[in-house]
Amino acid sequence: MRRAGRVWGIVAAMSPNGAAMRDSMRLYLTLMFADSPLDRARREMLAVVTSQANACDY
């Protein structure tokens, strides 16, 4: 999966395990796009804050 012209590290790390990658992408799509009381901007903001709290480089 390419985004912004490159394959992100997390996707590259999961790519050898097709089931893990499929399930992770399914979770991401559900969290970001399923019906929710949170709008998309708030979901993205929560994802960024969580990544920062976990010291993620991406």
PDB file of N, CA and C in Angstrom:
ATOM      1  N   MET A   1       0.848  -1.170   0.000  1.00  0.00           N
ATOM      2  CA  MET A   1       0.000   0.000   0.000  1.00  0.00           C
ATOM      3  C   MET A   1       0.892   1.231   0.000  1.00  0.00           C
ATOM      4  N   ARG A   2       0.696   2.062  -0.977  1.00  0.00           N
ATOM      5  CA  ARG A   2       1.493   3.285  -1.084  1.00  0.00           C
ATOM      6  C   ARG A   2       0.654   4.481  -0.656  1.00  0.00           C
ATOM      7  N   ARG A   3       1.330   5.377  -0.003  1.00  0.00           N
ATOM      8  CA  ARG A   3       0.686   6.618   0.395  1.00  0.00           C
ATOM      9  C   ARG A   3       1.766   7.688   0.369  1.00  0.00           C
ATOM     10  N   ALA A   4       1.473   8.802  -0.204  1.00  0.00           N
ATOM     11  CA  ALA A   4       2.442   9.896  -0.319  1.00  0.00           C
ATOM     12  C   ALA A   4       3.699   9.451  -1.049  1.00  0.00           C
ATOM     13  N   GLY A   5       3.539   8.536  -2.010  1.00  0.00           N
ATOM     14  CA  GLY A   5       4.654   8.127  -2.843  1.00  0.00           C
ATOM     15  C   GLY A   5       5.610   7.130  -2.238  1.00  0.00           C
ATOM     16  N   ARG A   6       5.261   6.546  -1.104  1.00  0.00           N
ATOM     17  CA  ARG A   6       6.154   5.553  -0.496  1.00  0.00           C
ATOM     18  C   ARG A   6       5.359   4.512   0.277  1.00  0.00           C
ATOM     19  N   VAL A   7       6.007   3.422   0.598  1.00  0.00           N
ATOM     20  CA  VAL A   7       5.399   2.383   1.429  1.00  0.00           C
ATOM     21  C   VAL A   7       5.835   2.657   2.862  1.00  0.00           C
ATOM     22  N   TRP A   8       4.891   2.844   3.752  1.00  0.00           N
ATOM     23  CA  TRP A   8       5.203   3.166   5.145  1.00  0.00           C
ATOM     24  C   TRP A   8       5.811   1.967   5.851  1.00  0.00           C
ATOM     25  N   GLY A   9       6.688   2.229   6.815  1.00  0.00           N
ATOM     26  CA  GLY A   9       7.414   1.194   7.543  1.00  0.00           C
ATOM     27  C   GLY A   9       6.521   0.155   8.183  1.00  0.00           C
ATOM     28  N   ILE A  10       5.417   0.576   8.769  1.00  0.00           N
ATOM     29  CA  ILE A  10       4.523  -0.376   9.435  1.00  0.00           C
ATOM     30  C   ILE A  10       3.937  -1.355   8.427  1.00  0.00           C
ATOM     31  N   VAL A  11       3.633  -0.882   7.229  1.00  0.00           N
ATOM     32  CA  VAL A  11       3.096  -1.751   6.181  1.00  0.00           C
ATOM     33  C   VAL A  11       4.178  -2.705   5.699  1.00  0.00           C
ATOM     34  N   ALA A  12       5.381  -2.199   5.506  1.00  0.00           N
ATOM     35  CA  ALA A  12       6.490  -3.058   5.081  1.00  0.00           C
ATOM     36  C   ALA A  12       6.777  -4.133   6.124  1.00  0.00           C
ATOM     37  N   ALA A  13       6.694  -3.780   7.402  1.00  0.00           N
ATOM     38  CA  ALA A  13       6.962  -4.748   8.470  1.00  0.00           C
ATOM     39  C   ALA A  13       5.924  -5.861   8.499  1.00  0.00           C
ATOM     40  N   MET A  14       4.681  -5.541   8.189  1.00  0.00           N
ATOM     41  CA  MET A  14       3.618  -6.547   8.218  1.00  0.00           C
ATOM     42  C   MET A  14       3.486  -7.316   6.915  1.00  0.00           C
ATOM     43  N   SER A  15       4.064  -6.824   5.839  1.00  0.00           N
ATOM     44  CA  SER A  15       3.821  -7.409   4.525  1.00  0.00           C
ATOM     45  C   SER A  15       4.193  -8.884   4.396  1.00  0.00           C
ATOM     46  N   PRO A  16       5.221  -9.405   5.097  1.00  0.00           N
ATOM     47  CA  PRO A  16       5.498 -10.839   4.972  1.00  0.00           C
ATOM     48  C   PRO A  16       4.379 -11.723   5.536  1.00  0.00           C
ATOM     49  N   ASN A  17       3.555 -11.161   6.416  1.00  0.00           N
ATOM     50  CA  ASN A  17       2.462 -11.917   7.015  1.00  0.00           C
ATOM     51  C   ASN A  17       1.150 -11.351   6.482  1.00  0.00           C
ATOM     52  N   GLY A  18       0.653 -11.972   5.430  1.00  0.00           N
ATOM     53  CA  GLY A  18      -0.553 -11.479   4.770  1.00  0.00           C
ATOM     54  C   GLY A  18      -1.754 -11.354   5.689  1.00  0.00           C
ATOM     55  N   ALA A  19      -1.938 -12.330   6.594  1.00  0.00           N
ATOM     56  CA  ALA A  19      -3.088 -12.291   7.502  1.00  0.00           C
ATOM     57  C   ALA A  19      -2.980 -11.107   8.460  1.00  0.00           C
ATOM     58  N   ALA A  20      -1.782 -10.856   8.990  1.00  0.00           N
ATOM     59  CA  ALA A  20      -1.594  -9.725   9.908  1.00  0.00           C
ATOM     60  C   ALA A  20      -1.852  -8.407   9.192  1.00  0.00           C
ATOM     61  N   MET A  21      -1.357  -8.306   7.973  1.00  0.00           N
ATOM     62  CA  MET A  21      -1.558  -7.072   7.211  1.00  0.00           C
ATOM     63  C   MET A  21      -3.038  -6.870   6.887  1.00  0.00           C
ATOM     64  N   ARG A  22      -3.699  -7.916   6.445  1.00  0.00           N
ATOM     65  CA  ARG A  22      -5.130  -7.823   6.117  1.00  0.00           C
ATOM     66  C   ARG A  22      -5.933  -7.410   7.345  1.00  0.00           C
ATOM     67  N   ASP A  23      -5.670  -8.066   8.479  1.00  0.00           N
ATOM     68  CA  ASP A  23      -6.435  -7.775   9.691  1.00  0.00           C
ATOM     69  C   ASP A  23      -6.145  -6.374  10.223  1.00  0.00           C
ATOM     70  N   SER A  24      -4.897  -5.946  10.128  1.00  0.00           N
ATOM     71  CA  SER A  24      -4.536  -4.600  10.567  1.00  0.00           C
ATOM     72  C   SER A  24      -5.222  -3.542   9.707  1.00  0.00           C
ATOM     73  N   MET A  25      -5.227  -3.757   8.397  1.00  0.00           N
ATOM     74  CA  MET A  25      -5.882  -2.800   7.507  1.00  0.00           C
ATOM     75  C   MET A  25      -7.391  -2.785   7.740  1.00  0.00           C
ATOM     76  N   ARG A  26      -7.963  -3.939   8.007  1.00  0.00           N
ATOM     77  CA  ARG A  26      -9.401  -4.005   8.302  1.00  0.00           C
ATOM     78  C   ARG A  26      -9.713  -3.208   9.575  1.00  0.00           C
ATOM     79  N   LEU A  27      -8.868  -3.357  10.598  1.00  0.00           N
ATOM     80  CA  LEU A  27      -9.055  -2.602  11.838  1.00  0.00           C
ATOM     81  C   LEU A  27      -8.946  -1.099  11.573  1.00  0.00           C
ATOM     82  N   TYR A  28      -7.907  -0.702  10.840  1.00  0.00           N
ATOM     83  CA  TYR A  28      -7.718   0.718  10.511  1.00  0.00           C
ATOM     84  C   TYR A  28      -8.942   1.279   9.780  1.00  0.00           C
ATOM     85  N   LEU A  29      -9.395   0.577   8.758  1.00  0.00           N
ATOM     86  CA  LEU A  29     -10.539   1.062   7.978  1.00  0.00           C
ATOM     87  C   LEU A  29     -11.793   1.161   8.837  1.00  0.00           C
ATOM     88  N   THR A  30     -11.986   0.195   9.730  1.00  0.00           N
ATOM     89  CA  THR A  30     -13.141   0.234  10.626  1.00  0.00           C
ATOM     90  C   THR A  30     -13.048   1.424  11.570  1.00  0.00           C
ATOM     91  N   LEU A  31     -11.878   1.610  12.179  1.00  0.00           N
ATOM     92  CA  LEU A  31     -11.714   2.713  13.125  1.00  0.00           C
ATOM     93  C   LEU A  31     -11.872   4.078  12.463  1.00  0.00           C
ATOM     94  N   MET A  32     -11.392   4.218  11.247  1.00  0.00           N
ATOM     95  CA  MET A  32     -11.398   5.524  10.593  1.00  0.00           C
ATOM     96  C   MET A  32     -12.660   5.826   9.795  1.00  0.00           C
ATOM     97  N   PHE A  33     -13.352   4.792   9.311  1.00  0.00           N
ATOM     98  CA  PHE A  33     -14.442   5.052   8.371  1.00  0.00           C
ATOM     99  C   PHE A  33     -15.811   4.506   8.770  1.00  0.00           C
ATOM    100  N   ALA A  34     -15.903   3.667   9.794  1.00  0.00           N
ATOM    101  CA  ALA A  34     -17.207   3.133  10.203  1.00  0.00           C
ATOM    102  C   ALA A  34     -18.020   4.234  10.893  1.00  0.00           C
ATOM    103  N   ASP A  35     -19.314   4.008  11.010  1.00  0.00           N
ATOM    104  CA  ASP A  35     -20.162   4.957  11.721  1.00  0.00           C
ATOM    105  C   ASP A  35     -19.638   5.141  13.141  1.00  0.00           C
ATOM    106  N   SER A  36     -19.603   6.390  13.581  1.00  0.00           N
ATOM    107  CA  SER A  36     -19.054   6.706  14.897  1.00  0.00           C
ATOM    108  C   SER A  36     -19.541   8.082  15.320  1.00  0.00           C
ATOM    109  N   PRO A  37     -19.643   8.313  16.628  1.00  0.00           N
ATOM    110  CA  PRO A  37     -19.967   9.666  17.075  1.00  0.00           C
ATOM    111  C   PRO A  37     -18.800  10.642  16.860  1.00  0.00           C
ATOM    112  N   LEU A  38     -17.601  10.120  16.586  1.00  0.00           N
ATOM    113  CA  LEU A  38     -16.435  10.967  16.322  1.00  0.00           C
ATOM    114  C   LEU A  38     -16.296  11.212  14.825  1.00  0.00           C
ATOM    115  N   ASP A  39     -16.066  12.469  14.446  1.00  0.00           N
ATOM    116  CA  ASP A  39     -15.845  12.738  13.031  1.00  0.00           C
ATOM    117  C   ASP A  39     -14.429  12.306  12.641  1.00  0.00           C
ATOM    118  N   ARG A  40     -14.166  12.309  11.344  1.00  0.00           N
ATOM    119  CA  ARG A  40     -12.881  11.814  10.837  1.00  0.00           C
ATOM    120  C   ARG A  40     -11.704  12.613  11.386  1.00  0.00           C
ATOM    121  N   ALA A  41     -11.853  13.924  11.494  1.00  0.00           N
ATOM    122  CA  ALA A  41     -10.763  14.764  12.002  1.00  0.00           C
ATOM    123  C   ALA A  41     -10.400  14.390  13.438  1.00  0.00           C
ATOM    124  N   ARG A  42     -11.393  14.117  14.266  1.00  0.00           N
ATOM    125  CA  ARG A  42     -11.115  13.735  15.653  1.00  0.00           C
ATOM    126  C   ARG A  42     -10.449  12.358  15.719  1.00  0.00           C
ATOM    127  N   ARG A  43     -10.878  11.459  14.859  1.00  0.00           N
ATOM    128  CA  ARG A  43     -10.239  10.137  14.825  1.00  0.00           C
ATOM    129  C   ARG A  43      -8.771  10.258  14.440  1.00  0.00           C
ATOM    130  N   GLU A  44      -8.488  11.084  13.431  1.00  0.00           N
ATOM    131  CA  GLU A  44      -7.098  11.296  13.009  1.00  0.00           C
ATOM    132  C   GLU A  44      -6.288  11.937  14.133  1.00  0.00           C
ATOM    133  N   MET A  45      -6.903  12.894  14.831  1.00  0.00           N
ATOM    134  CA  MET A  45      -6.217  13.548  15.936  1.00  0.00           C
ATOM    135  C   MET A  45      -5.878  12.535  17.033  1.00  0.00           C
ATOM    136  N   LEU A  46      -6.802  11.657  17.355  1.00  0.00           N
ATOM    137  CA  LEU A  46      -6.540  10.616  18.351  1.00  0.00           C
ATOM    138  C   LEU A  46      -5.427   9.679  17.897  1.00  0.00           C
ATOM    139  N   ALA A  47      -5.389   9.368  16.620  1.00  0.00           N
ATOM    140  CA  ALA A  47      -4.326   8.507  16.096  1.00  0.00           C
ATOM    141  C   ALA A  47      -2.963   9.181  16.235  1.00  0.00           C
ATOM    142  N   VAL A  48      -2.895  10.473  15.960  1.00  0.00           N
ATOM    143  CA  VAL A  48      -1.630  11.209  16.081  1.00  0.00           C
ATOM    144  C   VAL A  48      -1.187  11.276  17.541  1.00  0.00           C
ATOM    145  N   VAL A  49      -2.102  11.600  18.434  1.00  0.00           N
ATOM    146  CA  VAL A  49      -1.765  11.684  19.858  1.00  0.00           C
ATOM    147  C   VAL A  49      -1.297  10.328  20.375  1.00  0.00           C
ATOM    148  N   THR A  50      -1.966   9.265  19.966  1.00  0.00           N
ATOM    149  CA  THR A  50      -1.566   7.919  20.380  1.00  0.00           C
ATOM    150  C   THR A  50      -0.183   7.579  19.847  1.00  0.00           C
ATOM    151  N   SER A  51       0.086   7.919  18.602  1.00  0.00           N
ATOM    152  CA  SER A  51       1.409   7.670  18.020  1.00  0.00           C
ATOM    153  C   SER A  51       2.487   8.444  18.772  1.00  0.00           C
ATOM    154  N   GLN A  52       2.207   9.687  19.113  1.00  0.00           N
ATOM    155  CA  GLN A  52       3.177  10.479  19.873  1.00  0.00           C
ATOM    156  C   GLN A  52       3.409   9.879  21.252  1.00  0.00           C
ATOM    157  N   ALA A  53       2.341   9.471  21.926  1.00  0.00           N
ATOM    158  CA  ALA A  53       2.475   8.884  23.264  1.00  0.00           C
ATOM    159  C   ALA A  53       3.287   7.597  23.232  1.00  0.00           C
ATOM    160  N   ASN A  54       3.213   6.878  22.110  1.00  0.00           N
ATOM    161  CA  ASN A  54       3.962   5.625  21.956  1.00  0.00           C
ATOM    162  C   ASN A  54       5.322   5.832  21.290  1.00  0.00           C
ATOM    163  N   ALA A  55       5.706   7.090  21.091  1.00  0.00           N
ATOM    164  CA  ALA A  55       6.996   7.446  20.482  1.00  0.00           C
ATOM    165  C   ALA A  55       7.190   6.807  19.106  1.00  0.00           C
ATOM    166  N   CYS A  56       6.119   6.766  18.307  1.00  0.00           N
ATOM    167  CA  CYS A  56       6.204   6.221  16.951  1.00  0.00           C
ATOM    168  C   CYS A  56       6.884   7.234  16.038  1.00  0.00           C
ATOM    169  N   ASP A  57       7.716   6.751  15.135  1.00  0.00           N
ATOM    170  CA  ASP A  57       8.429   7.624  14.214  1.00  0.00           C
ATOM    171  C   ASP A  57       7.626   7.966  12.970  1.00  0.00           C
ATOM    172  N   TYR A  58       6.541   7.293  12.717  1.00  0.00           N
ATOM    173  CA  TYR A  58       5.797   7.538  11.491  1.00  0.00           C
ATOM    174  C   TYR A  58       4.694   8.541  11.702  1.00  0.00           C
TER     175      TYR A  58
END
